[in-house]
């Protein structure tokens, strides 16, 4: 584990996003870093495709969510 230095402005945006997304500040930063890395290594995939793939890899049944939206 290490320390990552970021600007005060970015830290504030992470803090606000973490509150909205119900994550800790560290978890929000880690999420954005992971999604950014996945986006850079998979330039042909959209954000939605990346999230869907990661949820499926975690064995989350995204079809249940789609069924709820359809109802």
C-alpha atoms as a PDB file:
ATOM      1  CA  UNK A   1       0.000   0.000   0.000  1.00  0.00           C
ATOM      2  CA  UNK A   2       1.201   3.493  -0.680  1.00  0.00           C
ATOM      3  CA  UNK A   3       0.238   7.114  -0.707  1.00  0.00           C
ATOM      4  CA  UNK A   4      -0.907   8.807  -3.885  1.00  0.00           C
ATOM      5  CA  UNK A   5      -0.658  12.580  -3.983  1.00  0.00           C
ATOM      6  CA  UNK A   6      -3.546  14.309  -5.712  1.00  0.00           C
ATOM      7  CA  UNK A   7      -4.689  17.906  -5.874  1.00  0.00           C
ATOM      8  CA  UNK A   8      -7.024  19.294  -3.253  1.00  0.00           C
ATOM      9  CA  UNK A   9      -9.578  19.956  -5.992  1.00  0.00           C
ATOM     10  CA  UNK A  10      -9.576  16.331  -7.174  1.00  0.00           C
ATOM     11  CA  UNK A  11      -9.783  15.106  -3.583  1.00  0.00           C
ATOM     12  CA  UNK A  12     -12.878  17.251  -3.066  1.00  0.00           C
ATOM     13  CA  UNK A  13     -14.524  15.811  -6.203  1.00  0.00           C
ATOM     14  CA  UNK A  14     -13.713  12.279  -5.019  1.00  0.00           C
ATOM     15  CA  UNK A  15     -15.178  13.104  -1.602  1.00  0.00           C
ATOM     16  CA  UNK A  16     -18.429  14.367  -3.157  1.00  0.00           C
ATOM     17  CA  UNK A  17     -18.673  11.376  -5.508  1.00  0.00           C
ATOM     18  CA  UNK A  18     -17.965   8.932  -2.693  1.00  0.00           C
ATOM     19  CA  UNK A  19     -20.868  10.329  -0.703  1.00  0.00           C
ATOM     20  CA  UNK A  20     -23.222   9.973  -3.653  1.00  0.00           C
ATOM     21  CA  UNK A  21     -21.998   6.470  -4.529  1.00  0.00           C
ATOM     22  CA  UNK A  22     -21.956   5.317  -0.869  1.00  0.00           C
ATOM     23  CA  UNK A  23     -18.266   4.457  -0.950  1.00  0.00           C
ATOM     24  CA  UNK A  24     -15.357   5.562   1.163  1.00  0.00           C
ATOM     25  CA  UNK A  25     -13.124   8.208  -0.384  1.00  0.00           C
ATOM     26  CA  UNK A  26     -10.423   5.568  -0.909  1.00  0.00           C
ATOM     27  CA  UNK A  27     -12.884   3.118  -2.467  1.00  0.00           C
ATOM     28  CA  UNK A  28     -14.155   5.814  -4.847  1.00  0.00           C
ATOM     29  CA  UNK A  29     -10.625   6.719  -5.924  1.00  0.00           C
ATOM     30  CA  UNK A  30      -9.760   3.047  -6.377  1.00  0.00           C
ATOM     31  CA  UNK A  31     -12.910   2.510  -8.460  1.00  0.00           C
ATOM     32  CA  UNK A  32     -12.084   5.430 -10.749  1.00  0.00           C
ATOM     33  CA  UNK A  33      -8.493   4.235 -11.114  1.00  0.00           C
ATOM     34  CA  UNK A  34      -9.610   0.694 -11.973  1.00  0.00           C
ATOM     35  CA  UNK A  35     -12.205   1.858 -14.506  1.00  0.00           C
ATOM     36  CA  UNK A  36      -9.652   4.210 -16.043  1.00  0.00           C
ATOM     37  CA  UNK A  37      -7.112   1.398 -16.401  1.00  0.00           C
ATOM     38  CA  UNK A  38      -9.749  -0.879 -17.937  1.00  0.00           C
ATOM     39  CA  UNK A  39     -10.807   1.881 -20.351  1.00  0.00           C
ATOM     40  CA  UNK A  40      -7.210   2.484 -21.445  1.00  0.00           C
ATOM     41  CA  UNK A  41      -6.548  -1.211 -22.012  1.00  0.00           C
ATOM     42  CA  UNK A  42      -9.904  -1.777 -23.737  1.00  0.00           C
ATOM     43  CA  UNK A  43     -10.380   1.319 -25.929  1.00  0.00           C
ATOM     44  CA  UNK A  44     -13.147  -0.288 -27.965  1.00  0.00           C
ATOM     45  CA  UNK A  45     -15.405  -0.791 -24.953  1.00  0.00           C
ATOM     46  CA  UNK A  46     -17.832   1.766 -23.559  1.00  0.00           C
ATOM     47  CA  UNK A  47     -18.083   2.523 -19.850  1.00  0.00           C
ATOM     48  CA  UNK A  48     -21.306   0.493 -19.690  1.00  0.00           C
ATOM     49  CA  UNK A  49     -19.655  -2.479 -21.398  1.00  0.00           C
ATOM     50  CA  UNK A  50     -16.735  -2.365 -18.970  1.00  0.00           C
ATOM     51  CA  UNK A  51     -19.043  -2.300 -15.940  1.00  0.00           C
ATOM     52  CA  UNK A  52     -21.237  -5.084 -17.319  1.00  0.00           C
ATOM     53  CA  UNK A  53     -18.189  -7.275 -17.980  1.00  0.00           C
ATOM     54  CA  UNK A  54     -16.777  -6.661 -14.501  1.00  0.00           C
ATOM     55  CA  UNK A  55     -20.130  -7.403 -12.857  1.00  0.00           C
ATOM     56  CA  UNK A  56     -20.431 -10.630 -14.834  1.00  0.00           C
ATOM     57  CA  UNK A  57     -16.888 -11.607 -13.824  1.00  0.00           C
ATOM     58  CA  UNK A  58     -17.949 -11.104 -10.209  1.00  0.00           C
ATOM     59  CA  UNK A  59     -20.919 -13.398 -10.905  1.00  0.00           C
ATOM     60  CA  UNK A  60     -23.482 -10.628 -10.423  1.00  0.00           C
ATOM     61  CA  UNK A  61     -26.678 -11.504 -12.249  1.00  0.00           C
ATOM     62  CA  UNK A  62     -27.179  -8.344 -14.270  1.00  0.00           C
ATOM     63  CA  UNK A  63     -30.196  -9.927 -15.951  1.00  0.00           C
ATOM     64  CA  UNK A  64     -32.126  -9.418 -12.695  1.00  0.00           C
ATOM     65  CA  UNK A  65     -31.492  -5.689 -12.928  1.00  0.00           C
ATOM     66  CA  UNK A  66     -32.642  -5.611 -16.540  1.00  0.00           C
ATOM     67  CA  UNK A  67     -35.847  -7.435 -15.568  1.00  0.00           C
ATOM     68  CA  UNK A  68     -36.587  -4.865 -12.859  1.00  0.00           C
ATOM     69  CA  UNK A  69     -36.113  -1.992 -15.289  1.00  0.00           C
ATOM     70  CA  UNK A  70     -38.449  -3.647 -17.804  1.00  0.00           C
ATOM     71  CA  UNK A  71     -41.257  -4.002 -15.222  1.00  0.00           C
END
